[in-house]
Amino acid sequence: MPRTRPSSARRWRKVDLHLHTPGSNDYQEPDISYLDILRQARVRGLDMVAFTDHNTVGGFRAMRQEISDLELLERLKRLKPAEKQRLQKYRKLQQSVLVLPGFEFTATFGFHILGIFSPDTPIRAIEHVLLNLNIPAAQLDEGSSNVGASADVLSAYREIVKAGGVAIAAHANSTHGVAMRGFRFGGQTKVAYTQDENLHALEVTDLDSRSRRSTAHFFNGSKPEYPRRMHCIQGSDAHRLLRDPKNSRLLGVGDRPTEMQLDEVNFDALKSLLTSPDFARTRPFRGTQKELDYVQAARDEGESIVQSFQQKITKRGGHLFAVISDVCAMANTNGGVVFIGTPSDPKKTPTGVSNISRAIGAVKHEISGRITPTLICSIDALSTHEKKVLRINVPRGDDPPYAIDDNKIFVRDESETTLAVRDEIVQLTTRPRSKAHALLSEPAPVAPEQGGKPSAGVEPPRTGVEIVATEERDSTRYHTMRDLRNGNQVKNVTRSSARRLWHYAIKQREGNLNLSRLKVKWHDDLGFIKHYRKGSISRVDLCQRTPDGDIRVYYGVTEDGMHGPWRKVAGYSE
């Protein structure tokens, strides 16, 4: 079978990486042939598909065996006219559609994981992966989703990647998905299942949604407990050739495809994209609908810990320094994207960048010449409102702290880039070099204010700041600030030295030192103080009573940081 369809330019390709075949025992149309599936893939305009039968490579193997048998008969000159015609159809379809081998593995507790491989991978090697994941040898050909005691989710990711494959969490936000709502396991388990370094992408069923509650928006890197931005794709999960007219949720081949911007139609290009930090090269297929404006979608989301906007790139006025400050800050924090040539306000018209090649050269020169240690960023241009906007993809640095001119160390604090203070620099030097370890490790416990413990079963919000201690020296109050996102503490912060959110919190605290007199709307031991807006960001101040009778106050909490009962307290739906 051909490995690739060559092409001379990067362009959008239509893919469906989750197709079942008669190799799955729950396939709804057993009389459908593999040729029928390929023919329908071509009719739907698909460039690449993957056969992902339940816990087997049986479907892909059966198709390949059929083609091999026909080719043998051809060499022996024993092909009948009907067989010759069938072989010709296979060959023609293979010039249009690349078929990748794979499987849909059923992990422990019923979670489904897609493993997708190069066509060059021997089928026995893929089956060996399944055997390593405890699929019984006797069931390798059954195509059943019920296989008894198999391996856990993280082992599945690891074994797929070890064998050279791509690991994708199947229908992650739905039934049998690792990010489904009502997840009954602990929070750290869900973090591990969706943030593991061996996981390439999340397949979701709501990729086309513009809602802030969509799965792709949730995993955009801005959530404190889910800091790794994930590639999100969609697939049909087709168990039949055509959509069921009686049940629209039972999709057919190519009914829910993803568009990917690829240089070539081959496995290597697919893997390269899903391992890159470029999230603008995947999108839901919308047919004849208006093409998604990636920059405008980013502006609609607004500034965040992983996203910033700069209108100019000139040295005069410090605009270029502001750009590389954002780059440095994101490398020290969680990575992200810097857009140049557009305001963050989605209602304002982008100015654009006039000379793209010169601008890219200038940014690359500044990053390579002024940021240490070496930081590799990808830089390209995107179109929006008939203007060209520069985009810098910044990785989360593996060797922090990163500094400008050897001594200016910046960090990203929600939507603000600021100079790091001493305690933050110390924390950067001790940050685990392994990204996976950093993502999955529990935050260090922090002693709450006045030694009080939080209410049983309710953790503090996950964004905002808490003042955990205050000390007065020479008529000046020095505060210890706790970042609710990561649990880090910074000592000796005064009102005059505090950055924006810290300054707000200190001003509120110093204006009302007696916390018992706060105007609070209580919900048992959880309290709502007030709501306010800072620019485009909506924040609330919350508080919590401890069993010791103390009150902990959480300032500037965003919606992303609210979980469980906090959402109800703040006036959001649970």
Protein backbone atom coordinates (compact mmCIF):
# COMPACT_ATOMS: atom_id res chain seq x y z
CA MET A 1 0.00 0.00 0.00
CA PRO A 2 1.30 3.50 -0.80
CA ARG A 3 2.86 5.31 2.10
CA THR A 4 2.18 8.85 0.99
CA ARG A 5 0.51 11.08 -1.54
CA PRO A 6 3.13 13.65 -2.53
CA SER A 7 2.37 17.33 -2.73
CA SER A 8 4.36 20.45 -3.37
CA ALA A 9 2.73 22.78 -0.86
CA ARG A 10 1.21 22.82 2.59
CA ARG A 11 -2.55 22.89 2.36
CA TRP A 12 -5.66 21.84 4.25
CA ARG A 13 -6.37 18.10 4.17
CA LYS A 14 -9.54 16.41 5.26
CA VAL A 15 -9.00 13.49 7.67
CA ASP A 16 -11.08 11.03 9.68
CA LEU A 17 -8.90 9.13 12.14
CA HIS A 18 -11.63 7.08 13.79
CA LEU A 19 -13.31 4.59 11.47
CA HIS A 20 -14.55 1.13 12.29
CA THR A 21 -14.85 -1.66 9.77
CA PRO A 22 -16.39 -5.14 9.70
CA GLY A 23 -13.31 -6.01 11.77
CA SER A 24 -15.25 -4.70 14.81
CA ASN A 25 -17.89 -7.10 16.04
CA ASP A 26 -20.32 -4.22 16.69
CA TYR A 27 -20.12 -2.94 13.11
CA GLN A 28 -23.69 -2.18 12.10
CA GLU A 29 -23.48 -3.17 8.42
CA PRO A 30 -21.56 -6.46 8.18
CA ASP A 31 -22.15 -6.77 4.43
CA ILE A 32 -20.15 -3.60 3.73
CA SER A 33 -16.75 -4.26 2.13
CA TYR A 34 -13.46 -2.49 2.70
CA LEU A 35 -13.65 -1.25 -0.87
CA ASP A 36 -17.02 0.31 -0.02
CA ILE A 37 -15.43 2.16 2.90
CA LEU A 38 -12.59 3.52 0.75
CA ARG A 39 -15.04 4.51 -1.97
CA GLN A 40 -17.17 6.42 0.55
CA ALA A 41 -14.05 8.09 1.96
CA ARG A 42 -13.24 9.39 -1.52
CA VAL A 43 -16.83 10.52 -2.07
CA ARG A 44 -16.63 12.52 1.19
CA GLY A 45 -13.37 14.11 0.02
CA LEU A 46 -11.18 12.53 2.70
CA ASP A 47 -7.42 12.59 2.19
CA MET A 48 -6.50 10.36 5.12
CA VAL A 49 -8.38 7.83 7.26
CA ALA A 50 -7.48 5.37 10.00
CA PHE A 51 -9.04 1.97 10.57
CA THR A 52 -9.44 1.76 14.34
CA ASP A 53 -11.33 -1.39 15.19
CA HIS A 54 -11.89 -2.42 18.82
CA ASN A 55 -8.73 -4.02 20.24
CA THR A 56 -7.69 -5.45 16.90
CA VAL A 57 -5.94 -4.61 13.64
CA GLY A 58 -8.15 -7.21 12.00
CA GLY A 59 -9.96 -4.84 9.64
CA PHE A 60 -6.82 -3.28 8.21
CA ARG A 61 -5.19 -6.72 7.98
CA ALA A 62 -8.18 -8.14 6.11
CA MET A 63 -8.13 -5.31 3.57
CA ARG A 64 -4.39 -5.60 3.05
CA GLN A 65 -4.71 -9.40 2.69
CA GLU A 66 -7.43 -9.00 0.07
CA ILE A 67 -5.25 -6.65 -1.96
CA SER A 68 -2.24 -8.96 -1.56
CA ASP A 69 -4.25 -11.95 -2.77
CA LEU A 70 -5.45 -10.05 -5.83
CA GLU A 71 -1.89 -8.94 -6.62
CA LEU A 72 -0.68 -12.54 -6.35
CA LEU A 73 -3.34 -13.69 -8.79
CA GLU A 74 -2.30 -10.86 -11.09
CA ARG A 75 1.34 -12.00 -11.05
CA LEU A 76 0.20 -15.56 -11.75
CA LYS A 77 -2.02 -14.23 -14.57
CA ARG A 78 -5.04 -15.91 -13.00
CA LEU A 79 -7.14 -12.78 -12.36
CA LYS A 80 -10.77 -13.04 -13.37
CA PRO A 81 -12.36 -9.92 -14.92
CA ALA A 82 -14.27 -9.07 -11.75
CA GLU A 83 -11.14 -9.50 -9.65
CA LYS A 84 -9.11 -7.37 -12.02
CA GLN A 85 -11.69 -4.64 -11.83
CA ARG A 86 -11.68 -4.84 -8.02
CA LEU A 87 -7.88 -4.55 -7.87
CA GLN A 88 -7.95 -1.56 -10.19
CA LYS A 89 -10.51 0.14 -7.96
CA TYR A 90 -8.33 -0.43 -4.89
CA ARG A 91 -5.32 1.04 -6.67
CA LYS A 92 -7.23 4.06 -7.87
CA LEU A 93 -8.71 4.72 -4.45
CA GLN A 94 -5.31 4.42 -2.80
CA GLN A 95 -4.13 7.31 -4.96
CA SER A 96 -6.85 9.45 -3.38
CA VAL A 97 -7.11 8.19 0.19
CA LEU A 98 -4.30 7.17 2.55
CA VAL A 99 -5.35 4.44 4.99
CA LEU A 100 -3.50 4.20 8.30
CA PRO A 101 -3.60 1.09 10.51
CA GLY A 102 -4.65 1.40 14.12
CA PHE A 103 -6.96 0.25 16.89
CA GLU A 104 -9.31 1.55 19.55
CA PHE A 105 -8.00 0.11 22.80
CA THR A 106 -10.26 -0.47 25.81
CA ALA A 107 -8.21 0.46 28.87
CA THR A 108 -8.90 -0.28 32.52
CA PHE A 109 -12.29 1.06 33.69
CA GLY A 110 -13.50 1.25 30.09
CA PHE A 111 -11.59 4.26 28.74
CA HIS A 112 -11.01 4.21 24.96
CA ILE A 113 -7.66 5.10 23.40
CA LEU A 114 -6.81 5.32 19.69
CA GLY A 115 -3.43 4.03 18.56
CA ILE A 116 -2.59 5.01 14.96
CA PHE A 117 0.51 3.91 13.06
CA SER A 118 2.39 4.31 9.81
CA PRO A 119 1.35 1.93 6.98
CA ASP A 120 4.98 0.77 7.04
CA THR A 121 4.53 -0.65 10.54
CA PRO A 122 4.24 -4.45 10.43
CA ILE A 123 0.84 -5.65 11.56
CA ARG A 124 2.52 -8.10 13.93
CA ALA A 125 4.25 -5.15 15.62
CA ILE A 126 0.90 -3.42 16.18
CA GLU A 127 -0.59 -6.65 17.50
CA HIS A 128 2.40 -6.92 19.82
CA VAL A 129 1.37 -3.55 21.31
CA LEU A 130 -2.08 -4.98 22.01
CA LEU A 131 -0.57 -8.08 23.60
CA ASN A 132 1.61 -5.86 25.81
CA LEU A 133 -1.60 -4.11 26.87
CA ASN A 134 -3.04 -7.45 28.04
CA ILE A 135 -5.38 -8.14 25.14
CA PRO A 136 -5.62 -11.95 25.13
CA ALA A 137 -4.08 -13.53 22.05
CA ALA A 138 -7.28 -15.46 21.47
CA GLN A 139 -9.21 -12.16 21.19
CA LEU A 140 -6.92 -10.34 18.77
CA ASP A 141 -9.24 -11.12 15.88
CA GLU A 142 -12.59 -10.64 17.63
CA GLY A 143 -12.83 -6.86 17.44
CA SER A 144 -14.71 -6.67 20.72
CA SER A 145 -14.73 -3.64 23.02
CA ASN A 146 -15.13 -5.99 26.00
CA VAL A 147 -11.79 -7.61 26.71
CA GLY A 148 -11.69 -8.06 30.48
CA ALA A 149 -8.76 -6.84 32.55
CA SER A 150 -6.49 -4.84 30.23
CA ALA A 151 -3.83 -2.19 30.95
CA ASP A 152 -4.30 1.30 32.36
CA VAL A 153 -4.61 4.49 30.29
CA LEU A 154 -1.06 5.77 30.87
CA SER A 155 0.42 2.39 29.92
CA ALA A 156 -1.58 2.53 26.68
CA TYR A 157 -0.19 5.95 25.79
CA ARG A 158 3.33 4.80 26.58
CA GLU A 159 3.17 1.54 24.60
CA ILE A 160 1.64 3.22 21.53
CA VAL A 161 4.35 5.89 21.47
CA LYS A 162 7.09 3.34 22.14
CA ALA A 163 5.97 1.49 19.00
CA GLY A 164 6.16 4.69 16.94
CA GLY A 165 2.44 5.42 16.93
CA VAL A 166 0.20 8.36 17.68
CA ALA A 167 -1.89 8.18 20.88
CA ILE A 168 -5.27 9.91 20.85
CA ALA A 169 -7.88 9.86 23.61
CA ALA A 170 -11.06 8.72 21.83
CA HIS A 171 -14.25 10.84 22.22
CA ALA A 172 -12.54 12.26 25.30
CA ASN A 173 -15.47 14.41 26.44
CA SER A 174 -18.09 11.71 25.97
CA THR A 175 -18.84 8.11 26.94
CA HIS A 176 -15.66 6.11 27.64
CA GLY A 177 -13.64 9.32 27.34
CA VAL A 178 -10.83 10.36 29.68
CA ALA A 179 -12.27 13.89 30.02
CA MET A 180 -15.95 13.05 30.20
CA ARG A 181 -18.14 15.02 32.56
CA GLY A 182 -19.01 13.29 35.79
CA PHE A 183 -15.54 11.72 35.87
CA ARG A 184 -15.65 9.57 39.00
CA PHE A 185 -11.94 9.49 39.74
CA GLY A 186 -9.75 11.95 41.59
CA GLY A 187 -8.68 15.22 40.02
CA GLN A 188 -5.04 14.20 39.64
CA THR A 189 -6.09 11.09 37.72
CA LYS A 190 -8.00 13.21 35.22
CA VAL A 191 -5.05 15.55 34.93
CA ALA A 192 -2.73 12.63 34.23
CA TYR A 193 -5.07 11.09 31.64
CA THR A 194 -5.39 14.34 29.68
CA GLN A 195 -1.93 15.91 30.17
CA ASP A 196 0.45 12.96 29.87
CA GLU A 197 3.47 13.69 27.69
CA ASN A 198 2.79 10.57 25.57
CA LEU A 199 -0.72 11.71 24.62
CA HIS A 200 -0.79 13.45 21.24
CA ALA A 201 -4.37 14.70 20.98
CA LEU A 202 -7.89 14.62 22.36
CA GLU A 203 -10.66 13.52 20.04
CA VAL A 204 -13.76 15.53 21.03
CA THR A 205 -17.36 15.68 19.90
CA ASP A 206 -17.79 19.45 20.33
CA LEU A 207 -14.88 20.79 18.28
CA ASP A 208 -17.23 22.98 16.25
CA SER A 209 -18.60 24.69 19.37
CA ARG A 210 -17.70 28.34 20.00
CA SER A 211 -18.77 28.06 23.64
CA ARG A 212 -16.33 28.87 26.43
CA ARG A 213 -17.44 25.55 27.92
CA SER A 214 -16.19 23.56 24.91
CA THR A 215 -13.58 20.88 25.44
CA ALA A 216 -11.01 22.60 23.21
CA HIS A 217 -11.41 25.84 25.16
CA PHE A 218 -11.00 23.97 28.44
CA PHE A 219 -7.72 22.43 27.28
CA ASN A 220 -6.25 25.62 25.77
CA GLY A 221 -3.52 25.80 28.44
CA SER A 222 -5.12 28.52 30.56
CA LYS A 223 -6.59 26.26 33.25
CA PRO A 224 -4.37 26.04 36.31
CA GLU A 225 -4.65 22.29 36.77
CA TYR A 226 -4.47 21.58 33.01
CA PRO A 227 -1.54 23.73 31.88
CA ARG A 228 -0.56 21.70 28.82
CA ARG A 229 -2.44 22.89 25.75
CA MET A 230 -3.80 19.93 23.84
CA HIS A 231 -4.43 19.37 20.17
CA CYS A 232 -8.16 18.71 19.78
CA ILE A 233 -9.52 16.92 16.73
CA GLN A 234 -12.76 15.21 15.79
CA GLY A 235 -13.62 11.93 14.10
CA SER A 236 -16.75 10.14 13.02
CA ASP A 237 -16.34 6.97 15.11
CA ALA A 238 -18.30 5.45 12.23
CA HIS A 239 -19.67 1.94 12.74
CA ARG A 240 -21.49 2.08 9.42
CA LEU A 241 -21.03 3.40 5.90
CA LEU A 242 -23.70 6.13 5.96
CA ARG A 243 -25.33 8.10 8.75
CA ASP A 244 -28.34 6.29 10.22
CA PRO A 245 -31.45 8.18 8.99
CA LYS A 246 -33.31 7.11 12.16
CA ASN A 247 -30.56 8.18 14.55
CA SER A 248 -28.44 11.16 13.52
CA ARG A 249 -25.86 10.40 16.22
CA LEU A 250 -24.86 7.17 14.45
CA LEU A 251 -22.44 8.68 11.95
CA GLY A 252 -21.06 7.32 8.72
CA VAL A 253 -17.65 7.62 7.06
CA GLY A 254 -16.48 11.24 6.98
CA ASP A 255 -19.50 12.68 8.79
CA ARG A 256 -17.34 14.45 11.41
CA PRO A 257 -13.89 15.05 9.86
CA THR A 258 -11.02 17.31 10.86
CA GLU A 259 -9.07 19.55 8.53
CA MET A 260 -5.31 19.55 9.04
CA GLN A 261 -2.77 21.73 7.30
CA LEU A 262 -0.13 19.27 6.10
CA ASP A 263 2.83 19.41 3.73
CA GLU A 264 2.13 15.88 2.55
CA VAL A 265 -0.51 13.26 3.09
CA ASN A 266 1.48 10.78 5.13
CA PHE A 267 1.85 9.53 8.67
CA ASP A 268 5.04 11.46 9.37
CA ALA A 269 3.34 14.76 8.52
CA LEU A 270 0.40 13.86 10.78
CA LYS A 271 2.68 12.97 13.69
CA SER A 272 4.79 16.08 13.19
CA LEU A 273 1.70 18.29 13.39
CA LEU A 274 0.32 16.61 16.52
CA THR A 275 3.69 16.92 18.29
CA SER A 276 4.10 20.59 17.35
CA PRO A 277 2.92 23.66 19.30
CA ASP A 278 1.04 24.92 16.22
CA PHE A 279 -2.65 24.80 17.05
CA ALA A 280 -3.82 26.86 14.08
CA ARG A 281 -3.26 23.99 11.66
CA THR A 282 -6.24 21.93 12.84
CA ARG A 283 -9.88 22.90 12.59
CA PRO A 284 -13.29 21.25 12.28
CA PHE A 285 -14.41 20.75 8.73
CA ARG A 286 -17.23 23.17 7.97
CA GLY A 287 -17.93 22.46 4.31
CA THR A 288 -19.03 25.56 2.47
CA GLN A 289 -19.26 27.60 5.67
CA LYS A 290 -17.00 30.60 6.21
CA GLU A 291 -13.45 29.58 7.05
CA LEU A 292 -12.48 29.88 10.70
CA ASP A 293 -10.48 33.04 11.46
CA TYR A 294 -8.00 31.71 14.01
CA VAL A 295 -6.75 35.15 15.05
CA GLN A 296 -10.25 36.52 15.57
CA ALA A 297 -11.17 33.42 17.60
CA ALA A 298 -8.12 34.08 19.78
CA ARG A 299 -9.12 37.74 20.22
CA ASP A 300 -12.62 36.65 21.21
CA GLU A 301 -11.04 34.62 24.01
CA GLY A 302 -8.91 37.60 25.04
CA GLU A 303 -5.65 37.96 26.94
CA SER A 304 -4.75 35.06 29.22
CA ILE A 305 -1.78 33.39 30.84
CA VAL A 306 -1.02 31.66 27.51
CA GLN A 307 -2.04 34.37 25.04
CA SER A 308 -1.00 38.00 24.47
CA PHE A 309 -1.44 40.66 21.80
CA GLN A 310 0.97 43.40 20.69
CA GLN A 311 0.02 45.92 18.02
CA LYS A 312 3.51 47.03 16.97
CA ILE A 313 6.97 45.59 16.59
CA THR A 314 9.07 48.77 16.40
CA LYS A 315 12.05 49.33 18.68
CA ARG A 316 11.02 52.95 19.13
CA GLY A 317 8.53 53.09 21.93
CA GLY A 318 9.68 49.76 23.37
CA HIS A 319 7.22 47.70 21.33
CA LEU A 320 9.77 45.07 20.29
CA PHE A 321 10.97 44.74 23.88
CA ALA A 322 7.36 44.22 24.98
CA VAL A 323 7.11 41.37 22.49
CA ILE A 324 10.21 39.53 23.69
CA SER A 325 9.19 40.21 27.30
CA ASP A 326 5.98 38.26 26.62
CA VAL A 327 8.06 35.51 24.98
CA CYS A 328 10.41 35.31 27.96
CA ALA A 329 7.50 35.33 30.43
CA MET A 330 5.64 32.53 28.65
CA ALA A 331 8.78 30.38 28.45
CA ASN A 332 9.15 30.79 32.23
CA THR A 333 5.48 30.05 32.89
CA ASN A 334 3.46 27.76 30.67
CA GLY A 335 4.29 28.57 27.08
CA GLY A 336 1.77 30.32 24.88
CA VAL A 337 1.17 32.42 21.80
CA VAL A 338 2.05 36.05 21.11
CA PHE A 339 0.15 37.80 18.30
CA ILE A 340 1.69 40.90 16.69
CA GLY A 341 -0.28 43.38 14.61
CA THR A 342 -3.64 43.28 16.35
CA PRO A 343 -5.20 44.64 19.53
CA SER A 344 -6.72 42.22 22.00
CA ASP A 345 -10.08 43.97 21.76
CA PRO A 346 -12.04 41.81 19.30
CA LYS A 347 -14.11 44.81 18.15
CA LYS A 348 -11.11 46.86 16.99
CA THR A 349 -9.60 46.51 13.52
CA PRO A 350 -6.19 44.82 13.32
CA THR A 351 -3.36 47.00 12.05
CA GLY A 352 -1.43 44.08 10.60
CA VAL A 353 2.30 43.75 9.91
CA SER A 354 3.46 45.31 6.65
CA ASN A 355 6.67 43.39 5.92
CA ILE A 356 6.25 39.85 7.21
CA SER A 357 9.67 38.47 6.29
CA ARG A 358 11.46 41.44 7.81
CA ALA A 359 9.31 41.25 10.95
CA ILE A 360 9.98 37.54 11.40
CA GLY A 361 13.69 38.18 10.97
CA ALA A 362 13.63 40.97 13.55
CA VAL A 363 11.79 38.85 16.13
CA LYS A 364 14.06 35.85 15.58
CA HIS A 365 17.13 38.08 15.96
CA GLU A 366 15.86 39.55 19.23
CA ILE A 367 14.91 36.17 20.70
CA SER A 368 18.17 34.47 19.74
CA GLY A 369 20.37 37.44 20.68
CA ARG A 370 18.77 38.61 23.91
CA ILE A 371 17.04 35.64 25.58
CA THR A 372 19.18 33.11 27.43
CA PRO A 373 19.40 30.17 27.57
CA THR A 374 18.61 29.34 23.95
CA LEU A 375 14.87 29.33 23.28
CA ILE A 376 13.44 27.94 20.03
CA CYS A 377 10.12 29.50 18.97
CA SER A 378 8.17 28.97 15.76
CA ILE A 379 7.10 32.18 14.01
CA ASP A 380 4.66 32.51 11.12
CA ALA A 381 1.93 34.73 9.70
CA LEU A 382 -1.85 34.36 9.77
CA SER A 383 -4.54 36.26 7.92
CA THR A 384 -7.36 38.13 9.65
CA HIS A 385 -9.65 40.85 8.32
CA GLU A 386 -7.50 41.01 5.15
CA LYS A 387 -4.40 41.80 7.24
CA LYS A 388 -1.31 39.74 8.00
CA VAL A 389 -0.65 39.13 11.70
CA LEU A 390 2.52 37.62 13.14
CA ARG A 391 2.21 34.66 15.49
CA ILE A 392 4.94 33.45 17.86
CA ASN A 393 4.47 29.98 19.35
CA VAL A 394 6.41 29.90 22.62
CA PRO A 395 7.20 26.55 24.28
CA ARG A 396 7.23 26.04 28.02
CA GLY A 397 10.95 26.23 28.65
CA ASP A 398 12.86 23.15 29.79
CA ASP A 399 15.72 25.16 31.34
CA PRO A 400 14.31 28.06 33.38
CA PRO A 401 14.77 30.77 34.33
CA TYR A 402 14.92 32.48 30.94
CA ALA A 403 16.25 36.03 30.98
CA ILE A 404 16.50 39.02 28.66
CA ASP A 405 19.98 40.53 28.50
CA ASP A 406 21.10 38.01 31.15
CA ASN A 407 19.34 39.75 34.05
CA LYS A 408 15.71 40.60 33.25
CA ILE A 409 13.53 37.64 34.19
CA PHE A 410 9.84 37.90 33.34
CA VAL A 411 6.87 35.73 34.30
CA ARG A 412 3.29 35.58 33.13
CA ASP A 413 0.70 36.33 35.82
CA GLU A 414 -2.71 35.58 34.28
CA SER A 415 -2.93 38.21 31.50
CA GLU A 416 0.00 40.32 32.69
CA THR A 417 3.74 40.07 31.96
CA THR A 418 5.82 41.20 34.93
CA LEU A 419 9.36 41.07 36.23
CA ALA A 420 9.88 38.08 38.49
CA VAL A 421 10.64 38.78 42.13
CA ARG A 422 13.21 36.90 44.18
CA ASP A 423 10.98 34.09 45.43
CA GLU A 424 9.65 33.44 41.91
CA ILE A 425 13.19 33.22 40.53
CA VAL A 426 14.08 30.70 43.23
CA GLN A 427 10.99 28.66 42.33
CA LEU A 428 11.96 28.72 38.64
CA THR A 429 15.42 27.36 39.40
CA THR A 430 13.88 24.40 41.24
CA ARG A 431 11.13 23.68 38.68
CA PRO A 432 11.31 20.07 37.49
CA ARG A 433 13.05 19.75 34.15
CA SER A 434 10.59 17.04 33.11
CA LYS A 435 7.42 18.62 31.79
CA ALA A 436 5.38 15.54 32.63
CA HIS A 437 6.61 15.60 36.25
CA ALA A 438 5.77 19.25 36.55
CA LEU A 439 2.29 18.76 35.20
CA LEU A 440 1.36 15.75 37.24
CA SER A 441 2.97 16.48 40.57
CA GLU A 442 0.78 17.67 43.40
CA PRO A 443 1.32 21.32 44.43
CA ALA A 444 3.29 21.70 47.63
CA PRO A 445 1.02 22.22 50.63
CA VAL A 446 0.92 25.80 51.81
CA ALA A 447 0.05 26.82 55.33
CA PRO A 448 -3.12 28.94 55.24
CA GLU A 449 -3.44 32.29 56.94
CA GLN A 450 -3.45 32.18 60.70
CA GLY A 451 -2.87 28.44 60.58
CA GLY A 452 -6.50 27.77 59.69
CA LYS A 453 -7.50 24.78 57.60
CA PRO A 454 -10.03 24.98 54.76
CA SER A 455 -13.51 23.55 55.09
CA ALA A 456 -13.56 19.80 54.80
CA GLY A 457 -13.78 18.58 51.21
CA VAL A 458 -13.63 22.01 49.55
CA GLU A 459 -10.29 23.13 48.13
CA PRO A 460 -9.56 26.83 47.52
CA PRO A 461 -10.22 28.29 44.04
CA ARG A 462 -7.48 27.69 41.46
CA THR A 463 -6.88 31.23 40.24
CA GLY A 464 -6.42 34.53 42.02
CA VAL A 465 -4.29 35.34 45.05
CA GLU A 466 -4.45 34.89 48.81
CA ILE A 467 -2.63 36.90 51.46
CA VAL A 468 -1.38 34.23 53.82
CA ALA A 469 0.56 36.39 56.27
CA THR A 470 1.14 40.07 57.11
CA GLU A 471 3.95 41.61 59.10
CA GLU A 472 4.51 45.28 59.96
CA ARG A 473 8.08 46.65 60.08
CA ASP A 474 8.94 50.33 60.44
CA SER A 475 5.32 51.36 59.77
CA THR A 476 5.25 49.38 56.50
CA ARG A 477 3.17 46.27 56.02
CA TYR A 478 4.90 43.31 54.34
CA HIS A 479 2.64 40.60 52.95
CA THR A 480 3.18 37.01 51.90
CA MET A 481 1.21 36.36 48.72
CA ARG A 482 0.07 32.94 47.59
CA ASP A 483 -0.62 32.32 43.89
CA LEU A 484 -3.73 30.12 43.88
CA ARG A 485 -2.85 28.78 40.42
CA ASN A 486 0.29 26.94 41.53
CA GLY A 487 0.56 27.40 45.29
CA ASN A 488 3.78 29.43 45.06
CA GLN A 489 4.42 32.00 47.79
CA VAL A 490 6.18 35.35 47.50
CA LYS A 491 7.24 37.10 50.70
CA ASN A 492 7.84 40.76 51.61
CA VAL A 493 5.38 42.29 49.15
CA THR A 494 4.31 45.85 49.92
CA ARG A 495 1.58 47.95 48.37
CA SER A 496 4.16 49.98 46.49
CA SER A 497 6.08 46.95 45.16
CA ALA A 498 3.05 44.81 44.28
CA ARG A 499 2.03 43.99 40.72
CA ARG A 500 -1.50 44.61 39.51
CA LEU A 501 -3.53 41.80 41.15
CA TRP A 502 -1.35 41.74 44.24
CA HIS A 503 -1.78 45.50 44.62
CA TYR A 504 -5.55 45.12 44.41
CA ALA A 505 -5.55 42.36 47.05
CA ILE A 506 -3.30 44.35 49.41
CA LYS A 507 -5.41 47.47 48.97
CA GLN A 508 -8.54 45.49 49.83
CA ARG A 509 -6.92 43.86 52.85
CA GLU A 510 -5.35 47.01 54.25
CA GLY A 511 -8.68 48.77 53.84
CA ASN A 512 -10.40 46.10 55.93
CA LEU A 513 -8.01 44.40 58.32
CA ASN A 514 -10.87 42.99 60.37
CA LEU A 515 -12.05 40.17 58.10
CA SER A 516 -15.03 39.43 60.33
CA ARG A 517 -16.59 42.72 59.20
CA LEU A 518 -16.54 41.84 55.52
CA LYS A 519 -19.89 42.00 53.76
CA VAL A 520 -20.25 38.37 52.73
CA LYS A 521 -23.05 36.38 51.20
CA TRP A 522 -22.47 33.02 52.88
CA HIS A 523 -23.27 29.57 51.51
CA ASP A 524 -22.48 27.44 54.54
CA ASP A 525 -18.71 28.01 54.98
CA LEU A 526 -18.13 29.44 51.52
CA GLY A 527 -18.71 33.10 50.88
CA PHE A 528 -19.13 35.60 48.03
CA ILE A 529 -17.75 39.10 48.61
CA LYS A 530 -18.02 40.97 45.31
CA HIS A 531 -17.75 40.86 41.56
CA TYR A 532 -15.69 43.26 39.45
CA ARG A 533 -14.17 43.61 35.97
CA LYS A 534 -10.63 44.51 35.01
CA GLY A 535 -10.55 45.23 31.29
CA SER A 536 -12.19 42.25 29.58
CA ILE A 537 -11.59 39.91 32.53
CA SER A 538 -14.37 39.24 35.05
CA ARG A 539 -13.19 38.46 38.60
CA VAL A 540 -14.75 37.77 41.99
CA ASP A 541 -13.53 37.93 45.58
CA LEU A 542 -14.42 34.86 47.61
CA CYS A 543 -13.85 33.69 51.15
CA GLN A 544 -13.95 30.55 53.25
CA ARG A 545 -14.47 29.86 56.94
CA THR A 546 -12.13 27.39 58.63
CA PRO A 547 -13.00 25.02 61.47
CA ASP A 548 -10.77 27.19 63.68
CA GLY A 549 -13.05 30.20 63.09
CA ASP A 550 -10.64 32.05 60.78
CA ILE A 551 -11.57 33.47 57.38
CA ARG A 552 -9.49 32.95 54.26
CA VAL A 553 -10.02 35.49 51.45
CA TYR A 554 -9.33 34.74 47.78
CA TYR A 555 -8.93 37.85 45.64
CA GLY A 556 -9.39 38.18 41.88
CA VAL A 557 -10.66 34.67 41.12
CA THR A 558 -11.57 34.10 37.46
CA GLU A 559 -14.16 31.66 36.17
CA ASP A 560 -11.39 29.26 35.13
CA GLY A 561 -10.42 28.91 38.78
CA MET A 562 -13.85 28.03 40.10
CA HIS A 563 -14.70 24.40 40.70
CA GLY A 564 -17.43 22.45 42.43
CA PRO A 565 -19.45 24.49 44.95
CA TRP A 566 -17.44 27.64 44.24
CA ARG A 567 -19.26 28.06 40.93
CA LYS A 568 -22.62 28.20 42.70
CA VAL A 569 -21.28 30.60 45.32
CA ALA A 570 -20.00 32.93 42.60
CA GLY A 571 -23.26 32.81 40.66
CA TYR A 572 -22.17 30.44 37.90
CA SER A 573 -23.96 27.23 36.98
CA GLU A 574 -22.40 24.10 38.45
